[in-house]
N, C-alpha and C. Protein backbone atom coordinates (compact mmCIF):
# COMPACT_ATOMS: atom_id res chain seq x y z
N MET A 1 45.13 -50.66 30.13
CA MET A 1 45.12 -50.22 28.75
C MET A 1 43.68 -49.95 28.28
N LYS A 2 42.75 -50.83 28.70
CA LYS A 2 41.37 -50.63 28.33
C LYS A 2 40.85 -49.31 28.89
N THR A 3 41.31 -48.92 30.05
CA THR A 3 40.88 -47.68 30.68
C THR A 3 41.36 -46.49 29.87
N VAL A 4 42.59 -46.53 29.37
CA VAL A 4 43.14 -45.44 28.58
C VAL A 4 42.35 -45.31 27.27
N VAL A 5 42.03 -46.41 26.60
CA VAL A 5 41.26 -46.38 25.37
C VAL A 5 39.87 -45.81 25.65
N TYR A 6 39.27 -46.20 26.75
CA TYR A 6 37.95 -45.70 27.14
C TYR A 6 37.98 -44.19 27.36
N ILE A 7 39.00 -43.69 28.06
CA ILE A 7 39.13 -42.25 28.35
C ILE A 7 39.35 -41.47 27.05
N VAL A 8 40.19 -41.97 26.16
CA VAL A 8 40.46 -41.30 24.88
C VAL A 8 39.17 -41.27 24.05
N THR A 9 38.42 -42.35 24.03
CA THR A 9 37.16 -42.41 23.29
C THR A 9 36.17 -41.38 23.84
N CYS A 10 36.10 -41.26 25.16
CA CYS A 10 35.19 -40.28 25.78
C CYS A 10 35.61 -38.86 25.42
N VAL A 11 36.92 -38.57 25.46
CA VAL A 11 37.40 -37.22 25.14
C VAL A 11 37.09 -36.88 23.68
N VAL A 12 37.32 -37.82 22.76
CA VAL A 12 37.03 -37.60 21.35
C VAL A 12 35.52 -37.37 21.16
N ALA A 13 34.69 -38.18 21.82
CA ALA A 13 33.24 -38.02 21.71
C ALA A 13 32.80 -36.66 22.23
N LEU A 14 33.33 -36.22 23.36
CA LEU A 14 32.99 -34.90 23.91
C LEU A 14 33.45 -33.79 22.98
N SER A 15 34.59 -33.93 22.36
CA SER A 15 35.08 -32.91 21.43
C SER A 15 34.16 -32.78 20.22
N VAL A 16 33.71 -33.92 19.68
CA VAL A 16 32.81 -33.91 18.53
C VAL A 16 31.49 -33.24 18.90
N VAL A 17 30.93 -33.60 20.05
CA VAL A 17 29.68 -33.00 20.51
C VAL A 17 29.87 -31.51 20.74
N SER A 18 30.99 -31.11 21.33
CA SER A 18 31.26 -29.71 21.60
C SER A 18 31.36 -28.91 20.30
N CYS A 19 32.06 -29.41 19.30
CA CYS A 19 32.19 -28.71 18.02
C CYS A 19 30.85 -28.61 17.32
N THR A 20 30.06 -29.67 17.38
CA THR A 20 28.75 -29.66 16.75
C THR A 20 27.86 -28.61 17.40
N SER A 21 27.90 -28.48 18.72
CA SER A 21 27.08 -27.49 19.42
C SER A 21 27.48 -26.08 19.02
N ARG A 22 28.80 -25.84 18.97
CA ARG A 22 29.24 -24.50 18.58
C ARG A 22 28.80 -24.18 17.16
N GLN A 23 28.86 -25.14 16.27
CA GLN A 23 28.47 -24.91 14.89
C GLN A 23 26.98 -24.60 14.80
N LYS A 24 26.17 -25.30 15.57
CA LYS A 24 24.74 -25.02 15.56
C LYS A 24 24.47 -23.63 16.08
N GLY A 25 25.19 -23.21 17.12
CA GLY A 25 25.03 -21.85 17.65
C GLY A 25 25.33 -20.82 16.58
N GLY A 26 26.34 -21.07 15.77
CA GLY A 26 26.67 -20.17 14.68
C GLY A 26 25.54 -20.08 13.66
N ASP A 27 24.87 -21.21 13.40
CA ASP A 27 23.75 -21.21 12.47
C ASP A 27 22.63 -20.32 13.00
N ASP A 28 22.39 -20.36 14.30
CA ASP A 28 21.34 -19.54 14.89
C ASP A 28 21.60 -18.06 14.63
N VAL A 29 22.85 -17.64 14.73
CA VAL A 29 23.18 -16.25 14.49
C VAL A 29 22.91 -15.89 13.04
N GLN A 30 23.26 -16.78 12.12
CA GLN A 30 23.00 -16.52 10.70
C GLN A 30 21.50 -16.38 10.44
N VAL A 31 20.71 -17.24 11.04
CA VAL A 31 19.26 -17.18 10.83
C VAL A 31 18.72 -15.84 11.32
N LEU A 32 19.18 -15.36 12.45
CA LEU A 32 18.72 -14.07 12.95
C LEU A 32 19.11 -12.95 12.00
N MET A 33 20.29 -13.02 11.44
CA MET A 33 20.70 -11.99 10.49
C MET A 33 19.83 -12.04 9.25
N GLN A 34 19.48 -13.23 8.79
CA GLN A 34 18.62 -13.34 7.62
C GLN A 34 17.24 -12.78 7.92
N ASP A 35 16.73 -13.05 9.12
CA ASP A 35 15.41 -12.52 9.49
C ASP A 35 15.42 -11.00 9.50
N SER A 36 16.47 -10.37 10.01
CA SER A 36 16.50 -8.91 10.05
C SER A 36 16.56 -8.32 8.64
N THR A 37 17.17 -9.02 7.71
CA THR A 37 17.20 -8.57 6.32
C THR A 37 15.79 -8.59 5.74
N VAL A 38 15.04 -9.65 6.02
CA VAL A 38 13.67 -9.77 5.52
C VAL A 38 12.81 -8.66 6.09
N ALA A 39 13.01 -8.29 7.36
CA ALA A 39 12.20 -7.26 8.01
C ALA A 39 12.37 -5.90 7.33
N SER A 40 13.48 -5.67 6.65
CA SER A 40 13.69 -4.37 6.00
C SER A 40 13.14 -4.33 4.58
N ALA A 41 12.47 -5.39 4.16
CA ALA A 41 11.84 -5.40 2.83
C ALA A 41 10.72 -4.36 2.81
N PRO A 42 10.43 -3.78 1.65
CA PRO A 42 9.36 -2.77 1.58
C PRO A 42 8.01 -3.34 2.04
N GLN A 43 7.26 -2.52 2.76
CA GLN A 43 5.94 -2.91 3.23
C GLN A 43 4.93 -2.71 2.10
N ARG A 44 3.90 -3.57 2.10
CA ARG A 44 2.91 -3.56 1.03
C ARG A 44 1.51 -3.55 1.64
N MET A 45 0.61 -2.84 0.99
CA MET A 45 -0.80 -2.91 1.38
C MET A 45 -1.39 -4.17 0.74
N GLN A 46 -2.50 -4.63 1.29
CA GLN A 46 -3.17 -5.81 0.74
C GLN A 46 -3.89 -5.46 -0.57
N VAL A 47 -4.04 -6.45 -1.42
CA VAL A 47 -4.84 -6.29 -2.63
C VAL A 47 -6.29 -6.17 -2.18
N SER A 48 -7.02 -5.24 -2.79
CA SER A 48 -8.46 -5.14 -2.49
C SER A 48 -9.22 -5.07 -3.81
N ASP A 49 -10.43 -5.63 -3.80
CA ASP A 49 -11.28 -5.67 -4.99
C ASP A 49 -12.70 -5.37 -4.51
N THR A 50 -13.20 -4.17 -4.83
CA THR A 50 -14.52 -3.75 -4.37
C THR A 50 -15.44 -3.59 -5.58
N LYS A 51 -16.56 -4.28 -5.52
CA LYS A 51 -17.55 -4.20 -6.60
C LYS A 51 -18.83 -3.56 -6.06
N VAL A 52 -19.41 -2.63 -6.85
CA VAL A 52 -20.61 -1.92 -6.44
C VAL A 52 -21.53 -1.82 -7.66
N THR A 53 -22.84 -1.96 -7.42
CA THR A 53 -23.82 -1.72 -8.47
C THR A 53 -24.43 -0.35 -8.21
N ILE A 54 -24.44 0.51 -9.25
CA ILE A 54 -24.89 1.89 -9.12
C ILE A 54 -26.07 2.11 -10.06
N THR A 55 -27.12 2.72 -9.57
CA THR A 55 -28.23 3.12 -10.43
C THR A 55 -28.13 4.64 -10.61
N TYR A 56 -27.99 5.07 -11.87
CA TYR A 56 -27.81 6.49 -12.16
C TYR A 56 -28.67 6.85 -13.36
N LYS A 57 -29.58 7.80 -13.18
CA LYS A 57 -30.49 8.23 -14.24
C LYS A 57 -31.21 7.05 -14.89
N GLY A 58 -31.68 6.13 -14.05
CA GLY A 58 -32.46 4.99 -14.53
C GLY A 58 -31.67 3.85 -15.13
N LYS A 59 -30.35 3.96 -15.20
CA LYS A 59 -29.52 2.89 -15.76
C LYS A 59 -28.71 2.24 -14.64
N GLU A 60 -28.41 0.94 -14.83
CA GLU A 60 -27.62 0.22 -13.84
C GLU A 60 -26.17 0.10 -14.32
N TYR A 61 -25.25 0.56 -13.48
CA TYR A 61 -23.82 0.51 -13.78
C TYR A 61 -23.17 -0.44 -12.77
N ARG A 62 -22.15 -1.13 -13.22
CA ARG A 62 -21.36 -1.98 -12.33
C ARG A 62 -19.95 -1.38 -12.25
N SER A 63 -19.50 -1.20 -11.02
CA SER A 63 -18.20 -0.59 -10.77
C SER A 63 -17.29 -1.60 -10.08
N SER A 64 -16.04 -1.65 -10.52
CA SER A 64 -15.02 -2.49 -9.89
C SER A 64 -13.79 -1.62 -9.64
N VAL A 65 -13.33 -1.63 -8.39
CA VAL A 65 -12.12 -0.89 -8.01
C VAL A 65 -11.14 -1.91 -7.42
N VAL A 66 -9.99 -2.09 -8.10
CA VAL A 66 -8.99 -3.05 -7.65
C VAL A 66 -7.69 -2.30 -7.33
N ARG A 67 -7.27 -2.41 -6.05
CA ARG A 67 -5.99 -1.81 -5.63
C ARG A 67 -4.95 -2.92 -5.48
N ARG A 68 -3.78 -2.67 -6.08
CA ARG A 68 -2.68 -3.64 -6.00
C ARG A 68 -1.38 -2.92 -5.69
N PRO A 69 -0.54 -3.51 -4.82
CA PRO A 69 0.82 -3.00 -4.70
C PRO A 69 1.51 -3.20 -6.06
N ASP A 70 2.22 -2.19 -6.53
CA ASP A 70 2.77 -2.22 -7.88
C ASP A 70 4.29 -2.08 -7.83
N ASP A 71 4.98 -3.22 -8.04
CA ASP A 71 6.44 -3.22 -7.98
C ASP A 71 7.10 -2.44 -9.10
N SER A 72 6.35 -2.08 -10.14
CA SER A 72 6.93 -1.31 -11.24
C SER A 72 7.05 0.18 -10.87
N LEU A 73 6.37 0.59 -9.80
CA LEU A 73 6.44 2.00 -9.36
C LEU A 73 7.62 2.20 -8.42
N PRO A 74 8.14 3.44 -8.35
CA PRO A 74 9.26 3.70 -7.43
C PRO A 74 8.87 3.41 -5.98
N ILE A 75 9.83 2.87 -5.22
CA ILE A 75 9.64 2.62 -3.79
C ILE A 75 9.56 3.97 -3.08
N VAL A 76 8.67 4.08 -2.09
CA VAL A 76 8.50 5.30 -1.31
C VAL A 76 9.17 5.09 0.04
N LYS A 77 9.98 6.07 0.47
CA LYS A 77 10.62 6.01 1.78
C LYS A 77 10.05 7.12 2.65
N ASN A 78 9.75 6.79 3.91
CA ASN A 78 9.32 7.84 4.83
C ASN A 78 10.55 8.46 5.49
N GLU A 79 10.34 9.41 6.36
CA GLU A 79 11.46 10.12 6.99
C GLU A 79 12.30 9.23 7.90
N GLN A 80 11.72 8.11 8.37
CA GLN A 80 12.46 7.17 9.21
C GLN A 80 13.23 6.15 8.38
N GLY A 81 13.11 6.22 7.05
CA GLY A 81 13.81 5.31 6.16
C GLY A 81 13.05 4.02 5.86
N GLU A 82 11.82 3.88 6.39
CA GLU A 82 11.03 2.69 6.08
C GLU A 82 10.60 2.76 4.62
N LYS A 83 10.55 1.60 3.97
CA LYS A 83 10.22 1.54 2.55
C LYS A 83 8.82 0.99 2.36
N PHE A 84 8.13 1.52 1.33
CA PHE A 84 6.76 1.11 1.02
C PHE A 84 6.61 0.94 -0.49
N VAL A 85 5.87 -0.08 -0.88
CA VAL A 85 5.52 -0.28 -2.28
C VAL A 85 4.28 0.56 -2.55
N ASP A 86 4.33 1.38 -3.60
CA ASP A 86 3.18 2.22 -3.97
C ASP A 86 2.13 1.34 -4.66
N ASN A 87 0.92 1.86 -4.78
CA ASN A 87 -0.19 1.10 -5.36
C ASN A 87 -0.62 1.66 -6.71
N SER A 88 -1.20 0.80 -7.51
CA SER A 88 -1.95 1.23 -8.68
C SER A 88 -3.38 0.77 -8.45
N ILE A 89 -4.33 1.55 -8.96
CA ILE A 89 -5.74 1.23 -8.77
C ILE A 89 -6.42 1.24 -10.13
N THR A 90 -7.12 0.14 -10.42
CA THR A 90 -7.85 0.01 -11.69
C THR A 90 -9.33 0.26 -11.42
N LEU A 91 -9.90 1.20 -12.17
CA LEU A 91 -11.33 1.50 -12.10
C LEU A 91 -11.97 1.02 -13.39
N ARG A 92 -12.97 0.14 -13.24
CA ARG A 92 -13.73 -0.34 -14.39
C ARG A 92 -15.20 -0.11 -14.12
N ILE A 93 -15.89 0.48 -15.09
CA ILE A 93 -17.33 0.70 -14.99
C ILE A 93 -17.96 0.19 -16.27
N THR A 94 -19.01 -0.62 -16.11
CA THR A 94 -19.75 -1.12 -17.27
C THR A 94 -21.23 -0.78 -17.11
N CYS A 95 -21.91 -0.70 -18.25
CA CYS A 95 -23.36 -0.47 -18.26
C CYS A 95 -23.94 -1.32 -19.38
N GLY A 96 -24.82 -2.26 -19.02
CA GLY A 96 -25.43 -3.13 -20.03
C GLY A 96 -24.40 -3.94 -20.79
N GLY A 97 -23.33 -4.35 -20.13
CA GLY A 97 -22.27 -5.13 -20.77
C GLY A 97 -21.28 -4.31 -21.55
N LYS A 98 -21.51 -3.00 -21.70
CA LYS A 98 -20.62 -2.11 -22.44
C LYS A 98 -19.63 -1.45 -21.47
N GLN A 99 -18.34 -1.47 -21.84
CA GLN A 99 -17.29 -0.86 -21.02
C GLN A 99 -17.38 0.67 -21.11
N ILE A 100 -17.59 1.33 -19.97
CA ILE A 100 -17.67 2.79 -19.92
C ILE A 100 -16.31 3.37 -19.50
N VAL A 101 -15.69 2.77 -18.48
CA VAL A 101 -14.38 3.21 -17.98
C VAL A 101 -13.52 1.98 -17.74
N ASP A 102 -12.27 2.05 -18.16
CA ASP A 102 -11.26 1.04 -17.85
C ASP A 102 -9.94 1.80 -17.75
N ARG A 103 -9.62 2.24 -16.53
CA ARG A 103 -8.46 3.12 -16.36
C ARG A 103 -7.66 2.74 -15.13
N VAL A 104 -6.34 2.80 -15.26
CA VAL A 104 -5.43 2.53 -14.15
C VAL A 104 -4.90 3.86 -13.63
N PHE A 105 -5.00 4.05 -12.31
CA PHE A 105 -4.51 5.25 -11.66
C PHE A 105 -3.29 4.92 -10.81
N THR A 106 -2.32 5.83 -10.82
CA THR A 106 -1.21 5.82 -9.87
C THR A 106 -1.21 7.19 -9.22
N LYS A 107 -0.36 7.39 -8.23
CA LYS A 107 -0.36 8.72 -7.60
C LYS A 107 0.02 9.80 -8.61
N GLU A 108 0.79 9.43 -9.64
CA GLU A 108 1.18 10.41 -10.66
C GLU A 108 -0.03 10.91 -11.46
N SER A 109 -1.11 10.13 -11.47
CA SER A 109 -2.34 10.57 -12.14
C SER A 109 -2.89 11.84 -11.51
N PHE A 110 -2.51 12.10 -10.24
CA PHE A 110 -3.02 13.24 -9.49
C PHE A 110 -1.95 14.30 -9.24
N ALA A 111 -0.83 14.21 -9.96
CA ALA A 111 0.31 15.11 -9.74
C ALA A 111 -0.05 16.59 -9.91
N SER A 112 -1.00 16.89 -10.77
CA SER A 112 -1.38 18.29 -10.98
C SER A 112 -2.20 18.85 -9.81
N LEU A 113 -2.69 17.97 -8.93
CA LEU A 113 -3.53 18.40 -7.82
C LEU A 113 -2.85 18.37 -6.46
N VAL A 114 -1.71 17.65 -6.37
CA VAL A 114 -1.05 17.44 -5.08
C VAL A 114 0.37 18.00 -5.14
N ASP A 115 0.77 18.67 -4.09
CA ASP A 115 2.09 19.27 -3.98
C ASP A 115 3.19 18.22 -4.16
N ALA A 116 4.20 18.54 -4.97
CA ALA A 116 5.29 17.61 -5.27
C ALA A 116 6.04 17.18 -4.01
N GLY A 117 6.19 18.07 -3.05
CA GLY A 117 6.87 17.74 -1.79
C GLY A 117 6.12 16.66 -1.02
N PHE A 118 4.81 16.74 -1.03
CA PHE A 118 3.98 15.73 -0.36
C PHE A 118 4.04 14.41 -1.13
N MET A 119 3.97 14.50 -2.46
CA MET A 119 3.96 13.30 -3.31
C MET A 119 5.22 12.45 -3.12
N LYS A 120 6.34 13.10 -2.84
CA LYS A 120 7.61 12.38 -2.73
C LYS A 120 7.53 11.29 -1.66
N TYR A 121 6.83 11.54 -0.56
CA TYR A 121 6.77 10.60 0.56
C TYR A 121 5.42 9.89 0.67
N ALA A 122 4.57 10.05 -0.32
CA ALA A 122 3.20 9.53 -0.25
C ALA A 122 2.97 8.37 -1.21
N ILE A 123 1.88 7.64 -0.93
CA ILE A 123 1.43 6.56 -1.81
C ILE A 123 -0.05 6.78 -2.15
N LEU A 124 -0.49 6.15 -3.21
CA LEU A 124 -1.92 6.14 -3.55
C LEU A 124 -2.56 5.09 -2.65
N GLU A 125 -3.39 5.53 -1.72
CA GLU A 125 -3.94 4.61 -0.72
C GLU A 125 -5.23 3.94 -1.17
N GLY A 126 -6.15 4.72 -1.74
CA GLY A 126 -7.43 4.10 -2.06
C GLY A 126 -8.29 4.91 -2.99
N LEU A 127 -9.35 4.25 -3.46
CA LEU A 127 -10.36 4.85 -4.32
C LEU A 127 -11.66 4.13 -3.98
N VAL A 128 -12.66 4.90 -3.54
CA VAL A 128 -13.94 4.29 -3.15
C VAL A 128 -15.09 5.06 -3.77
N TYR A 129 -16.17 4.33 -4.07
CA TYR A 129 -17.37 4.94 -4.60
C TYR A 129 -18.04 5.75 -3.51
N ASP A 130 -18.56 6.93 -3.87
CA ASP A 130 -19.21 7.82 -2.91
C ASP A 130 -20.36 8.51 -3.61
N LYS A 131 -21.58 8.20 -3.20
CA LYS A 131 -22.74 8.85 -3.81
C LYS A 131 -23.06 10.11 -3.02
N LEU A 132 -23.12 11.20 -3.71
CA LEU A 132 -23.46 12.48 -3.09
C LEU A 132 -24.81 12.93 -3.66
N PRO A 133 -25.50 13.84 -2.96
CA PRO A 133 -26.80 14.30 -3.46
C PRO A 133 -26.74 14.85 -4.89
N SER A 134 -25.61 15.41 -5.28
CA SER A 134 -25.51 16.02 -6.61
C SER A 134 -24.99 15.07 -7.68
N GLY A 135 -24.75 13.80 -7.35
CA GLY A 135 -24.28 12.86 -8.37
C GLY A 135 -23.44 11.74 -7.80
N ASN A 136 -22.77 11.01 -8.70
CA ASN A 136 -21.94 9.87 -8.33
C ASN A 136 -20.46 10.24 -8.45
N TYR A 137 -19.73 9.93 -7.40
CA TYR A 137 -18.32 10.29 -7.35
C TYR A 137 -17.50 9.14 -6.78
N TYR A 138 -16.20 9.28 -6.95
CA TYR A 138 -15.24 8.39 -6.30
C TYR A 138 -14.32 9.28 -5.47
N ALA A 139 -14.04 8.84 -4.25
CA ALA A 139 -13.11 9.56 -3.38
C ALA A 139 -11.78 8.82 -3.44
N ALA A 140 -10.71 9.55 -3.68
CA ALA A 140 -9.37 8.97 -3.72
C ALA A 140 -8.53 9.63 -2.63
N SER A 141 -7.47 8.93 -2.20
CA SER A 141 -6.58 9.55 -1.22
C SER A 141 -5.13 9.20 -1.51
N ILE A 142 -4.32 10.24 -1.43
CA ILE A 142 -2.87 10.13 -1.50
C ILE A 142 -2.41 10.38 -0.07
N CYS A 143 -1.63 9.45 0.51
CA CYS A 143 -1.30 9.60 1.94
C CYS A 143 0.15 9.23 2.22
N TYR A 144 0.62 9.72 3.39
CA TYR A 144 1.87 9.22 3.94
C TYR A 144 1.54 7.85 4.50
N PRO A 145 2.31 6.82 4.14
CA PRO A 145 1.98 5.46 4.59
C PRO A 145 1.90 5.35 6.12
N GLN A 146 0.91 4.64 6.58
CA GLN A 146 0.69 4.34 7.99
C GLN A 146 0.56 5.58 8.87
N THR A 147 -0.02 6.66 8.29
CA THR A 147 -0.29 7.87 9.07
C THR A 147 -1.68 8.37 8.72
N ASP A 148 -2.10 9.43 9.41
CA ASP A 148 -3.38 10.08 9.12
C ASP A 148 -3.21 11.26 8.16
N LEU A 149 -2.02 11.49 7.66
CA LEU A 149 -1.76 12.61 6.76
C LEU A 149 -2.10 12.20 5.32
N TYR A 150 -3.09 12.88 4.73
CA TYR A 150 -3.51 12.52 3.38
C TYR A 150 -4.08 13.74 2.67
N VAL A 151 -4.18 13.62 1.36
CA VAL A 151 -4.83 14.62 0.52
C VAL A 151 -6.05 13.95 -0.09
N PRO A 152 -7.26 14.46 0.21
CA PRO A 152 -8.46 13.86 -0.38
C PRO A 152 -8.71 14.41 -1.78
N LEU A 153 -9.12 13.53 -2.66
CA LEU A 153 -9.38 13.89 -4.05
C LEU A 153 -10.74 13.36 -4.46
N ARG A 154 -11.35 14.00 -5.45
CA ARG A 154 -12.66 13.57 -5.93
C ARG A 154 -12.58 13.34 -7.43
N LEU A 155 -13.10 12.19 -7.87
CA LEU A 155 -13.21 11.88 -9.29
C LEU A 155 -14.70 11.87 -9.62
N THR A 156 -15.06 12.63 -10.62
CA THR A 156 -16.43 12.65 -11.10
C THR A 156 -16.43 11.91 -12.43
N VAL A 157 -17.31 10.91 -12.55
CA VAL A 157 -17.39 10.12 -13.77
C VAL A 157 -18.74 10.40 -14.42
N SER A 158 -18.70 10.88 -15.66
CA SER A 158 -19.95 11.16 -16.38
C SER A 158 -20.54 9.84 -16.89
N ALA A 159 -21.79 9.90 -17.34
CA ALA A 159 -22.48 8.71 -17.84
C ALA A 159 -21.77 8.09 -19.04
N ASP A 160 -21.03 8.91 -19.81
CA ASP A 160 -20.31 8.37 -20.97
C ASP A 160 -18.84 8.05 -20.67
N GLY A 161 -18.43 8.12 -19.37
CA GLY A 161 -17.10 7.67 -18.99
C GLY A 161 -16.03 8.74 -18.89
N LYS A 162 -16.39 10.00 -19.08
CA LYS A 162 -15.39 11.07 -18.93
C LYS A 162 -15.13 11.27 -17.43
N ILE A 163 -13.85 11.45 -17.11
CA ILE A 163 -13.45 11.60 -15.70
C ILE A 163 -12.85 12.96 -15.47
N SER A 164 -13.35 13.66 -14.45
CA SER A 164 -12.72 14.91 -14.04
C SER A 164 -12.27 14.72 -12.59
N MET A 165 -11.16 15.40 -12.25
CA MET A 165 -10.57 15.25 -10.92
C MET A 165 -10.45 16.60 -10.24
N ALA A 166 -10.63 16.60 -8.92
CA ALA A 166 -10.48 17.83 -8.13
C ALA A 166 -9.96 17.47 -6.75
N LYS A 167 -9.25 18.42 -6.16
CA LYS A 167 -8.77 18.25 -4.80
C LYS A 167 -9.89 18.67 -3.85
N GLU A 168 -10.20 17.85 -2.87
CA GLU A 168 -11.21 18.17 -1.88
C GLU A 168 -10.57 19.02 -0.79
N GLU A 169 -11.38 19.82 -0.14
CA GLU A 169 -10.86 20.59 0.98
C GLU A 169 -10.89 19.73 2.23
N LEU A 170 -9.83 19.81 3.01
CA LEU A 170 -9.80 19.13 4.30
C LEU A 170 -10.67 19.90 5.27
N LEU A 171 -11.28 19.22 6.21
CA LEU A 171 -12.10 19.90 7.21
C LEU A 171 -11.28 20.94 7.97
N GLU A 172 -10.00 20.64 8.22
CA GLU A 172 -9.15 21.60 8.92
C GLU A 172 -9.00 22.89 8.11
N ASP A 173 -8.86 22.75 6.78
CA ASP A 173 -8.73 23.93 5.92
C ASP A 173 -10.00 24.78 5.98
N VAL A 174 -11.15 24.13 5.95
CA VAL A 174 -12.42 24.85 6.02
C VAL A 174 -12.53 25.55 7.37
N TYR A 175 -12.15 24.84 8.44
CA TYR A 175 -12.21 25.41 9.79
C TYR A 175 -11.28 26.63 9.90
N GLU A 176 -10.06 26.51 9.36
CA GLU A 176 -9.13 27.64 9.41
C GLU A 176 -9.66 28.83 8.66
N GLU A 177 -10.30 28.62 7.51
CA GLU A 177 -10.87 29.73 6.72
C GLU A 177 -11.98 30.41 7.51
N ASP A 178 -12.81 29.60 8.20
CA ASP A 178 -13.90 30.17 9.01
C ASP A 178 -13.37 31.02 10.15
N THR A 179 -12.31 30.57 10.82
CA THR A 179 -11.78 31.31 11.96
C THR A 179 -11.05 32.58 11.52
N VAL A 180 -10.44 32.56 10.34
CA VAL A 180 -9.74 33.73 9.83
C VAL A 180 -10.74 34.82 9.44
N SER A 181 -11.85 34.43 8.84
CA SER A 181 -12.80 35.43 8.35
C SER A 181 -13.64 36.04 9.48
N ASN A 182 -13.66 35.43 10.65
CA ASN A 182 -14.47 35.97 11.75
C ASN A 182 -13.82 37.13 12.42
C-alpha cells in the first residue's frame, strides 16, 4: 500500500511540474510578442543642444540650437512602412543679454521651399551654424529618415533678428547644369 501511495504522489508531482513548465513556455511566447510590438514603435532622433558664440560686426552673439523629437507633429512613414517621429528645432540668439531670435522650426516652416511630395516622407533633421565669407548663416536639412536623400536649406539671420530662407543647390544639381551647358 505504501508503494501505491508513493507512485501516486510521484505521478501527481510530475504532473504539477509538467503543467508549470508548459505554462512558463507560454509566457515566453507572450514576451516575444510584446517585444515585437515595441520594435514597431516610431523611431526617434536624439535630443541635441548646440551652443555657439558668434562675433559679428564687432558684437558677440550667443546661439543655441535645440533639436527635439516632437510627438505633436504627424508621424512620418517611409516606403517600407517604418515610422519616425519628426523633429522641431528651437533657434535662440542673444546679444548683450537681449533676445534677438527665439523661434521654433518644423519642416512645415520650409514648405514653400521644398516639394510637397518630398515633404510627405521627410523629417526636419538638423540646423547648424555655418559662417561663410559673406556673413553668418544656418544650414538646415529636410531629409528622408536614415538615408542620404535631403534638401539643403539656408537661413540668413540679420543683426536685428530677421530671418530669410532659401533652398541651397545640391552639388549634383550644379554638376548637371555644368554638363548640360557644355
